[in-house]
Amino acid sequence: MILCNCLHLPRSYMEPTNTAVKNRYGELEFPKVSFCNLNPMKFSKMVEKEKLFRIINETAALTKVDILDFGIFVEKYVKQYLPSAPLGIQSTSDAKNLFYLAMGELSALDDVAQPIKEFIVSCEYQGQPCDQKDLVSYRDEFYGVCYKFVPLKQPTVASPGPQMGLTLTLNVEEHEYIPFITGSAGVIMDIARIQNSEMDRIPIMKTTGILMSPNVETNIALQNTEHIRLPGASKKCASDMIGGVAECIETCVGTVAAKLSGCAHEITYMVGTVGMCETLREIEENEYVRVHLDIGSSCTHCKIPCFEHIHEKTISMTSWPIDSYIPILKNQLKESGVNITVDTQLDTSSLLKIHVFFSTLATTIIEEEKAYTFGNFLSDIGGQLGLWAGISVLSLAEVLELLVLIVVGFCTRKNKTANEVESIKDLKTVSN
């Protein structure tokens, strides 16, 4: 026998609602597309930063890998940097934690990051080259310099399909990937609704990002969906939420862990007087708090949004590029500043192509409505009266009519009696 626990739910959670599904068709606002190379900086430039190089060198010694296997140019820096006290790295996880902390200490990454012309081979929006103002760089704690595409001149899309969307050709430079830090090549991307400048969110890529592989053409077909929810007496949804529940919980956990452990693992979660963790021990304490934190009691404000705009994604991939497209690709790379000669065989293992577009201009609206309103209450009362007492609207009208007739009759009779009394008084006065 299956028992239902719904009878034991608090009253506030038993508010009946109906869900209405509607469709709206028309021009759509193109989303903000943020994307990063999985490699935060070029390895050939990173080695010039002594602190970063020591992390990689010590990790190589720990894993018994010859540091010179990563390139003959590394030998110069092995000899250049004097021996120092060990960093205490015990695993590749320790190496990553120390690396991201050291990267966060760099005020700028322009001298070590991959230049935008080398990363973005080509960018097209609605069949035209992207405006430089539409591409804005920003800094991510794990992926270094990232970019977001926001169409300013043509924010809306009038027809579906790849030809009216965003097309990116990217070069991730796999040979420049930092050993022990980045184990796979590709791009991570976030697609979100454009918000005003005051509420614009910086995506938490490690939580919301989707991965795309090189040597592949990826199609991301979008479909608009809007969720409109009723908070009810229990306030089950939040009207001021920016982003989704996953982002809210990630931010909450990081902030609470920083307060409890005394230091922040990431710059985003530095609050008040709490600074960044500086040692592996402090990082371990922070991570221990994160793992054992009771999210249910610490992050009660993280609720689903009362209004949520979602881009449903359908992702498809195909092998790219084909042989006949290689000459075109070589020309694009040369225009981007990449040193490619006509006779050189192009290595496509670092290249990828991405299409982001709407598959339809229809927007699905999923809206919650109250299942039982005051009008329903009055209807139920009338129905019960009609069923058990035989009372109908006509009967109520007849009762009102009877009351009106009684009042009118009473008033008429009262006036008639008063007139008769006056007549008798007049006759007595005359006889006297």
Protein backbone atom coordinates (compact mmCIF):
# COMPACT_ATOMS: atom_id res chain seq x y z
CA MET A 1 0.00 0.00 0.00
CA ILE A 2 1.35 3.46 -0.93
CA LEU A 3 0.82 6.23 1.61
CA CYS A 4 0.55 9.84 0.52
CA ASN A 5 2.45 12.37 2.61
CA CYS A 6 0.58 15.29 1.08
CA LEU A 7 -1.95 15.24 3.92
CA HIS A 8 0.79 16.18 6.36
CA LEU A 9 2.08 19.17 4.39
CA PRO A 10 1.80 22.59 6.05
CA ARG A 11 -1.24 24.57 5.04
CA SER A 12 0.89 27.18 3.26
CA TYR A 13 2.13 24.54 0.79
CA MET A 14 -1.36 23.35 -0.12
CA GLU A 15 -2.49 26.40 -2.08
CA PRO A 16 -4.08 25.01 -5.25
CA THR A 17 -2.87 26.42 -8.56
CA ASN A 18 -3.52 25.78 -12.21
CA THR A 19 -0.82 25.95 -14.89
CA ALA A 20 -1.70 27.65 -18.14
CA VAL A 21 0.51 27.19 -21.21
CA LYS A 22 0.36 29.95 -23.80
CA ASN A 23 2.30 30.82 -26.94
CA ARG A 24 3.40 34.22 -28.20
CA TYR A 25 4.92 34.80 -31.63
CA GLY A 26 7.02 37.76 -32.72
CA GLU A 27 10.51 39.25 -32.89
CA LEU A 28 12.83 38.09 -30.12
CA GLU A 29 15.65 39.79 -28.28
CA PHE A 30 18.96 38.06 -28.97
CA PRO A 31 20.64 36.87 -25.76
CA LYS A 32 24.00 37.82 -24.30
CA VAL A 33 26.59 35.20 -25.27
CA SER A 34 29.62 34.89 -22.98
CA PHE A 35 32.52 32.59 -23.84
CA CYS A 36 36.02 31.74 -22.60
CA ASN A 37 38.96 29.65 -23.68
CA LEU A 38 39.38 26.79 -21.18
CA ASN A 39 43.05 27.79 -21.00
CA PRO A 40 43.40 30.94 -18.85
CA MET A 41 46.71 32.08 -20.35
CA LYS A 42 49.37 31.10 -22.88
CA PHE A 43 51.91 28.66 -21.47
CA SER A 44 54.78 30.37 -23.34
CA LYS A 45 53.87 33.64 -21.56
CA MET A 46 52.96 32.11 -18.20
CA VAL A 47 56.48 30.79 -17.63
CA GLU A 48 57.67 34.40 -17.39
CA LYS A 49 55.74 34.71 -14.11
CA GLU A 50 58.04 33.13 -11.52
CA LYS A 51 55.34 32.23 -8.99
CA LEU A 52 53.18 30.53 -11.60
CA PHE A 53 56.14 28.68 -13.08
CA ARG A 54 57.20 27.33 -9.67
CA ILE A 55 53.73 25.80 -9.22
CA ILE A 56 53.99 23.93 -12.53
CA ASN A 57 57.63 22.93 -11.88
CA GLU A 58 56.90 21.53 -8.41
CA THR A 59 53.81 19.68 -9.70
CA ALA A 60 55.92 18.11 -12.47
CA ALA A 61 58.44 16.91 -9.87
CA LEU A 62 55.61 15.51 -7.72
CA THR A 63 54.13 13.54 -10.66
CA LYS A 64 57.60 12.53 -11.89
CA VAL A 65 57.21 14.29 -15.23
CA ASP A 66 60.19 15.97 -16.88
CA ILE A 67 59.38 19.68 -17.10
CA LEU A 68 61.34 19.86 -20.37
CA ASP A 69 58.76 17.59 -22.00
CA PHE A 70 56.49 20.64 -22.23
CA GLY A 71 58.85 22.54 -24.51
CA ILE A 72 62.54 23.25 -24.89
CA PHE A 73 61.95 26.94 -24.10
CA VAL A 74 61.15 25.94 -20.49
CA GLU A 75 64.82 25.12 -19.82
CA LYS A 76 65.65 28.83 -19.77
CA TYR A 77 63.31 29.49 -16.85
CA VAL A 78 64.38 26.39 -14.92
CA LYS A 79 67.89 27.86 -14.83
CA GLN A 80 66.74 31.43 -14.36
CA TYR A 81 64.68 31.04 -11.19
CA LEU A 82 66.71 30.29 -8.08
CA PRO A 83 65.61 27.37 -5.86
CA SER A 84 63.18 28.35 -3.11
CA ALA A 85 61.22 26.72 -0.31
CA PRO A 86 58.74 24.10 -1.58
CA LEU A 87 55.11 25.17 -1.89
CA GLY A 88 53.77 22.02 -0.23
CA ILE A 89 51.86 20.73 -3.26
CA GLN A 90 50.56 17.23 -2.64
CA SER A 91 48.21 16.80 -5.61
CA THR A 92 47.14 18.41 -8.87
CA SER A 93 44.17 19.82 -6.96
CA ASP A 94 46.60 21.73 -4.74
CA ALA A 95 48.41 22.94 -7.84
CA LYS A 96 45.18 24.30 -9.34
CA ASN A 97 44.19 26.05 -6.12
CA LEU A 98 47.56 27.76 -5.80
CA PHE A 99 47.62 28.61 -9.50
CA TYR A 100 44.23 30.36 -9.43
CA LEU A 101 45.22 32.27 -6.30
CA ALA A 102 48.45 33.42 -7.93
CA MET A 103 46.57 34.34 -11.11
CA GLY A 104 44.15 36.40 -9.02
CA GLU A 105 47.07 38.43 -7.66
CA LEU A 106 47.92 39.64 -11.16
CA SER A 107 46.39 43.06 -11.68
CA ALA A 108 46.15 42.48 -15.44
CA LEU A 109 46.36 39.47 -17.73
CA ASP A 110 46.89 41.24 -21.03
CA ASP A 111 50.58 40.30 -21.19
CA VAL A 112 49.93 36.58 -20.64
CA ALA A 113 46.43 36.06 -22.09
CA GLN A 114 45.73 35.01 -25.64
CA PRO A 115 45.12 38.14 -27.78
CA ILE A 116 41.55 38.58 -29.00
CA LYS A 117 42.63 38.46 -32.66
CA GLU A 118 44.25 35.07 -32.14
CA PHE A 119 41.28 33.70 -30.20
CA ILE A 120 38.37 35.06 -32.27
CA VAL A 121 39.19 34.20 -35.88
CA SER A 122 35.86 35.51 -37.16
CA CYS A 123 32.57 36.77 -35.74
CA GLU A 124 29.35 37.26 -37.70
CA TYR A 125 25.90 38.34 -36.55
CA GLN A 126 22.88 38.18 -38.85
CA GLY A 127 25.19 37.67 -41.82
CA GLN A 128 27.36 40.72 -41.11
CA PRO A 129 30.74 41.05 -39.34
CA CYS A 130 30.32 41.76 -35.63
CA ASP A 131 30.72 45.36 -34.51
CA GLN A 132 33.74 45.78 -32.25
CA LYS A 133 31.49 47.49 -29.68
CA ASP A 134 29.38 44.33 -29.45
CA LEU A 135 32.32 42.32 -28.08
CA VAL A 136 33.37 43.25 -24.55
CA SER A 137 36.09 41.54 -22.51
CA TYR A 138 35.77 40.70 -18.83
CA ARG A 139 37.80 38.71 -16.34
CA ASP A 140 36.89 35.30 -14.96
CA GLU A 141 38.69 33.85 -11.94
CA PHE A 142 39.23 30.45 -13.55
CA TYR A 143 39.32 31.14 -17.29
CA GLY A 144 41.16 34.46 -17.38
CA VAL A 145 40.11 36.90 -20.10
CA CYS A 146 36.64 36.09 -21.44
CA TYR A 147 34.31 37.87 -23.87
CA LYS A 148 30.62 38.63 -24.03
CA PHE A 149 28.68 39.43 -27.20
CA VAL A 150 25.80 41.89 -26.80
CA PRO A 151 24.23 43.18 -30.06
CA LEU A 152 23.62 46.89 -29.58
CA LYS A 153 22.51 48.02 -33.06
CA GLN A 154 20.36 45.01 -33.89
CA PRO A 155 19.15 43.59 -30.57
CA THR A 156 16.15 41.74 -32.04
CA VAL A 157 15.84 38.81 -34.43
CA ALA A 158 13.05 38.81 -37.03
CA SER A 159 13.42 35.26 -38.35
CA PRO A 160 14.76 31.94 -37.06
CA GLY A 161 17.74 29.96 -38.31
CA PRO A 162 21.57 30.10 -38.24
CA GLN A 163 21.72 32.87 -40.84
CA MET A 164 20.06 35.28 -38.39
CA GLY A 165 22.13 34.27 -35.36
CA LEU A 166 25.72 34.52 -34.11
CA THR A 167 28.54 32.58 -35.79
CA LEU A 168 31.95 32.35 -34.14
CA THR A 169 35.14 30.76 -35.42
CA LEU A 170 37.57 30.35 -32.54
CA ASN A 171 41.18 29.24 -32.15
CA VAL A 172 41.96 27.85 -28.68
CA GLU A 173 45.70 27.19 -29.39
CA GLU A 174 45.86 23.75 -27.80
CA HIS A 175 49.67 23.73 -27.90
CA GLU A 176 49.63 26.69 -25.44
CA TYR A 177 47.60 24.91 -22.77
CA ILE A 178 49.10 24.95 -19.28
CA PRO A 179 50.01 21.46 -18.03
CA PHE A 180 48.31 20.17 -14.86
CA ILE A 181 45.89 23.16 -14.89
CA THR A 182 43.85 22.54 -18.03
CA GLY A 183 43.33 18.93 -18.99
CA SER A 184 40.97 19.37 -21.94
CA ALA A 185 40.82 21.79 -24.86
CA GLY A 186 37.80 23.79 -25.92
CA VAL A 187 35.51 26.68 -25.07
CA ILE A 188 33.01 27.21 -22.28
CA MET A 189 29.93 29.33 -23.06
CA ASP A 190 27.01 30.90 -21.20
CA ILE A 191 23.82 32.16 -22.86
CA ALA A 192 21.56 34.48 -20.88
CA ARG A 193 18.96 37.18 -21.28
CA ILE A 194 20.27 40.74 -21.66
CA GLN A 195 19.54 42.82 -18.56
CA ASN A 196 20.04 46.50 -17.85
CA SER A 197 23.52 47.63 -16.84
CA GLU A 198 22.63 47.88 -13.15
CA MET A 199 21.37 44.30 -12.93
CA ASP A 200 23.64 42.69 -15.53
CA ARG A 201 25.06 39.49 -14.10
CA ILE A 202 28.55 38.15 -14.65
CA PRO A 203 28.03 34.46 -15.40
CA ILE A 204 29.51 31.89 -13.05
CA MET A 205 30.99 29.85 -15.87
CA LYS A 206 31.96 26.83 -13.78
CA THR A 207 28.26 26.47 -12.80
CA THR A 208 26.26 27.58 -15.85
CA GLY A 209 28.71 27.14 -18.73
CA ILE A 210 28.38 24.56 -21.50
CA LEU A 211 31.51 23.00 -23.02
CA MET A 212 32.32 22.84 -26.73
CA SER A 213 35.06 20.79 -28.32
CA PRO A 214 37.57 21.87 -31.00
CA ASN A 215 37.63 20.38 -34.49
CA VAL A 216 33.83 20.44 -34.36
CA GLU A 217 31.04 22.71 -35.62
CA THR A 218 28.44 23.17 -32.88
CA ASN A 219 24.88 24.35 -33.45
CA ILE A 220 23.02 25.74 -30.42
CA ALA A 221 19.35 26.17 -31.31
CA LEU A 222 17.43 28.28 -28.79
CA GLN A 223 13.76 28.36 -27.87
CA ASN A 224 12.29 31.01 -25.57
CA THR A 225 10.39 29.90 -22.47
CA GLU A 226 8.97 32.15 -19.76
CA HIS A 227 7.89 30.90 -16.33
CA ILE A 228 5.48 33.05 -14.29
CA ARG A 229 4.97 31.68 -10.78
CA LEU A 230 2.77 32.71 -7.86
CA PRO A 231 4.67 33.13 -4.56
CA GLY A 232 1.66 32.29 -2.39
CA ALA A 233 1.60 32.66 1.38
CA SER A 234 4.72 30.50 1.67
CA LYS A 235 6.76 32.80 -0.64
CA LYS A 236 7.91 29.80 -2.63
CA CYS A 237 9.47 32.03 -5.31
CA ALA A 238 11.48 35.26 -5.19
CA SER A 239 10.56 38.34 -7.18
CA ASP A 240 14.05 39.91 -6.99
CA MET A 241 16.14 36.94 -8.14
CA ILE A 242 18.82 37.63 -10.78
CA GLY A 243 19.92 34.43 -12.48
CA GLY A 244 18.95 30.92 -11.49
CA VAL A 245 18.88 28.88 -8.31
CA ALA A 246 22.20 27.16 -9.06
CA GLU A 247 24.03 30.50 -9.29
CA CYS A 248 22.37 31.77 -6.12
CA ILE A 249 23.39 28.66 -4.17
CA GLU A 250 26.95 28.80 -5.51
CA THR A 251 27.28 32.45 -4.44
CA CYS A 252 25.66 31.76 -1.07
CA VAL A 253 27.88 28.78 -0.29
CA GLY A 254 31.04 30.66 -1.30
CA THR A 255 30.12 33.71 0.80
CA VAL A 256 29.10 31.74 3.90
CA ALA A 257 32.22 29.54 3.66
CA ALA A 258 34.38 32.67 3.48
CA LYS A 259 32.78 34.07 6.64
CA LEU A 260 33.05 30.81 8.58
CA SER A 261 36.60 29.88 7.50
CA GLY A 262 37.97 33.40 7.69
CA CYS A 263 39.14 33.66 4.07
CA ALA A 264 37.70 33.52 0.58
CA HIS A 265 38.69 30.90 -1.97
CA GLU A 266 37.57 33.21 -4.79
CA ILE A 267 37.59 36.99 -5.14
CA THR A 268 33.82 36.98 -5.73
CA TYR A 269 33.16 35.86 -2.18
CA MET A 270 35.34 38.38 -0.36
CA VAL A 271 32.98 40.06 2.12
CA GLY A 272 33.68 42.71 4.77
CA THR A 273 37.08 42.16 6.32
CA VAL A 274 37.52 38.65 4.89
CA GLY A 275 40.48 38.49 2.52
CA MET A 276 41.73 35.85 0.12
CA CYS A 277 43.10 32.53 1.35
CA GLU A 278 46.89 32.52 1.08
CA THR A 279 48.00 29.00 2.02
CA LEU A 280 46.92 25.49 1.13
CA ARG A 281 45.80 24.94 4.71
CA GLU A 282 43.46 27.94 4.54
CA ILE A 283 42.08 26.71 1.22
CA GLU A 284 41.46 23.25 2.68
CA GLU A 285 39.59 24.78 5.63
CA ASN A 286 37.47 26.82 3.25
CA GLU A 287 36.67 23.77 1.11
CA TYR A 288 35.85 21.70 4.20
CA VAL A 289 33.26 24.30 5.25
CA ARG A 290 31.80 24.35 1.72
CA VAL A 291 31.41 20.58 1.61
CA HIS A 292 29.80 20.28 5.05
CA LEU A 293 27.61 23.39 4.86
CA ASP A 294 23.88 22.86 5.40
CA ILE A 295 22.52 24.59 2.31
CA GLY A 296 18.91 24.17 3.42
CA SER A 297 19.38 26.40 6.45
CA SER A 298 22.15 28.69 5.20
CA CYS A 299 20.72 29.58 1.79
CA THR A 300 16.98 29.87 2.43
CA HIS A 301 16.82 32.99 0.24
CA CYS A 302 17.77 30.95 -2.85
CA LYS A 303 14.35 30.29 -4.32
CA ILE A 304 13.14 29.84 -7.86
CA PRO A 305 12.41 33.21 -9.53
CA CYS A 306 8.76 34.30 -9.77
CA PHE A 307 9.57 35.36 -13.33
CA GLU A 308 12.16 33.31 -15.16
CA HIS A 309 13.28 33.69 -18.75
CA ILE A 310 14.94 30.51 -20.05
CA HIS A 311 16.62 29.76 -23.35
CA GLU A 312 16.00 26.07 -23.96
CA LYS A 313 18.99 24.68 -25.87
CA THR A 314 19.19 21.96 -28.49
CA ILE A 315 22.83 21.18 -29.26
CA SER A 316 24.05 19.33 -32.34
CA MET A 317 27.59 18.79 -33.63
CA THR A 318 29.35 17.80 -36.80
CA SER A 319 32.97 17.30 -37.85
CA TRP A 320 34.62 20.51 -39.03
CA PRO A 321 36.33 21.78 -41.13
CA ILE A 322 36.16 19.83 -44.38
CA ASP A 323 39.11 19.86 -46.75
CA SER A 324 37.54 22.33 -49.19
CA TYR A 325 37.13 24.90 -46.40
CA ILE A 326 40.82 24.81 -45.37
CA PRO A 327 41.97 27.55 -47.82
CA ILE A 328 39.22 29.90 -46.56
CA LEU A 329 40.18 29.17 -42.98
CA LYS A 330 43.86 29.85 -43.69
CA ASN A 331 42.97 33.25 -45.10
CA GLN A 332 40.87 34.09 -42.03
CA LEU A 333 43.72 33.10 -39.73
CA LYS A 334 46.21 35.25 -41.66
CA GLU A 335 43.84 38.25 -41.39
CA SER A 336 43.61 37.61 -37.64
CA GLY A 337 47.39 37.85 -37.31
CA VAL A 338 48.14 34.13 -37.02
CA ASN A 339 51.33 33.19 -38.88
CA ILE A 340 50.08 30.79 -41.57
CA THR A 341 51.77 30.16 -44.91
CA VAL A 342 49.99 28.76 -47.93
CA ASP A 343 52.25 25.71 -48.13
CA THR A 344 51.92 24.86 -44.44
CA GLN A 345 49.47 22.11 -43.58
CA LEU A 346 46.88 23.64 -41.26
CA ASP A 347 46.41 21.95 -37.90
CA THR A 348 42.67 22.16 -37.22
CA SER A 349 42.79 20.47 -33.82
CA SER A 350 42.56 23.86 -32.09
CA LEU A 351 39.78 25.36 -34.21
CA LEU A 352 36.03 25.25 -33.66
CA LYS A 353 32.93 26.88 -35.06
CA ILE A 354 29.79 27.81 -33.10
CA HIS A 355 26.34 28.87 -34.29
CA VAL A 356 23.89 30.38 -31.78
CA PHE A 357 20.40 31.04 -33.15
CA PHE A 358 16.68 30.79 -32.48
CA SER A 359 15.02 27.68 -33.87
CA THR A 360 11.61 29.40 -33.69
CA LEU A 361 10.23 32.85 -32.88
CA ALA A 362 7.50 31.35 -30.69
CA THR A 363 7.76 31.96 -26.95
CA THR A 364 6.19 29.40 -24.62
CA ILE A 365 4.67 31.04 -21.54
CA ILE A 366 4.04 28.75 -18.56
CA GLU A 367 1.96 30.71 -16.05
CA GLU A 368 0.56 29.73 -12.68
CA GLU A 369 -2.98 30.86 -11.85
CA LYS A 370 -4.98 30.59 -8.66
CA ALA A 371 -7.16 27.51 -8.85
CA TYR A 372 -9.69 28.82 -6.33
CA THR A 373 -10.65 32.50 -6.29
CA PHE A 374 -13.36 34.53 -4.51
CA GLY A 375 -15.51 34.22 -7.63
CA ASN A 376 -15.22 30.43 -7.40
CA PHE A 377 -16.28 30.69 -3.74
CA LEU A 378 -19.45 32.62 -4.62
CA SER A 379 -20.22 30.18 -7.42
CA ASP A 380 -19.87 27.26 -5.02
CA ILE A 381 -22.25 28.89 -2.51
CA GLY A 382 -24.84 29.48 -5.23
CA GLY A 383 -24.47 25.94 -6.48
CA GLN A 384 -24.95 24.46 -3.01
CA LEU A 385 -27.99 26.62 -2.32
CA GLY A 386 -29.48 25.62 -5.64
CA LEU A 387 -28.79 21.95 -5.00
CA TRP A 388 -30.02 21.64 -1.40
CA ALA A 389 -32.57 24.49 -1.02
CA GLY A 390 -33.81 24.82 -4.55
CA ILE A 391 -32.74 28.45 -4.58
CA SER A 392 -31.78 30.02 -7.87
CA VAL A 393 -31.02 33.53 -9.08
CA LEU A 394 -34.66 33.89 -10.15
CA SER A 395 -35.78 32.85 -6.68
CA LEU A 396 -33.51 35.45 -5.10
CA ALA A 397 -34.95 38.08 -7.48
CA GLU A 398 -38.48 37.11 -6.47
CA VAL A 399 -37.56 37.41 -2.79
CA LEU A 400 -36.12 40.88 -3.41
CA GLU A 401 -39.27 41.83 -5.32
CA LEU A 402 -41.44 40.64 -2.42
CA LEU A 403 -39.42 42.68 0.07
CA VAL A 404 -39.75 45.77 -2.12
CA LEU A 405 -43.55 45.25 -2.41
CA ILE A 406 -43.87 44.83 1.37
CA VAL A 407 -41.92 48.04 2.01
CA VAL A 408 -43.94 49.95 -0.62
CA GLY A 409 -47.22 48.55 0.74
CA PHE A 410 -46.26 49.42 4.31
CA CYS A 411 -45.35 52.97 3.34
CA THR A 412 -48.59 53.38 1.31
CA ARG A 413 -50.73 52.03 4.15
CA LYS A 414 -49.01 54.32 6.67
CA ASN A 415 -49.66 57.37 4.51
CA LYS A 416 -53.30 56.30 3.98
CA THR A 417 -53.88 55.90 7.72
CA ALA A 418 -52.31 59.27 8.39
CA ASN A 419 -54.65 60.91 5.86
CA GLU A 420 -57.74 59.25 7.42
CA VAL A 421 -56.76 60.51 10.86
CA GLU A 422 -56.39 64.05 9.51
CA SER A 423 -59.86 63.82 7.87
CA ILE A 424 -61.50 62.79 11.17
CA LYS A 425 -59.79 65.70 12.97
CA ASP A 426 -61.12 68.11 10.32
CA LEU A 427 -64.70 66.78 10.69
CA LYS A 428 -64.58 67.19 14.49
CA THR A 429 -63.33 70.75 14.10
CA VAL A 430 -66.20 71.61 11.69
CA SER A 431 -68.93 70.08 13.97
CA ASN A 432 -67.68 72.07 16.93
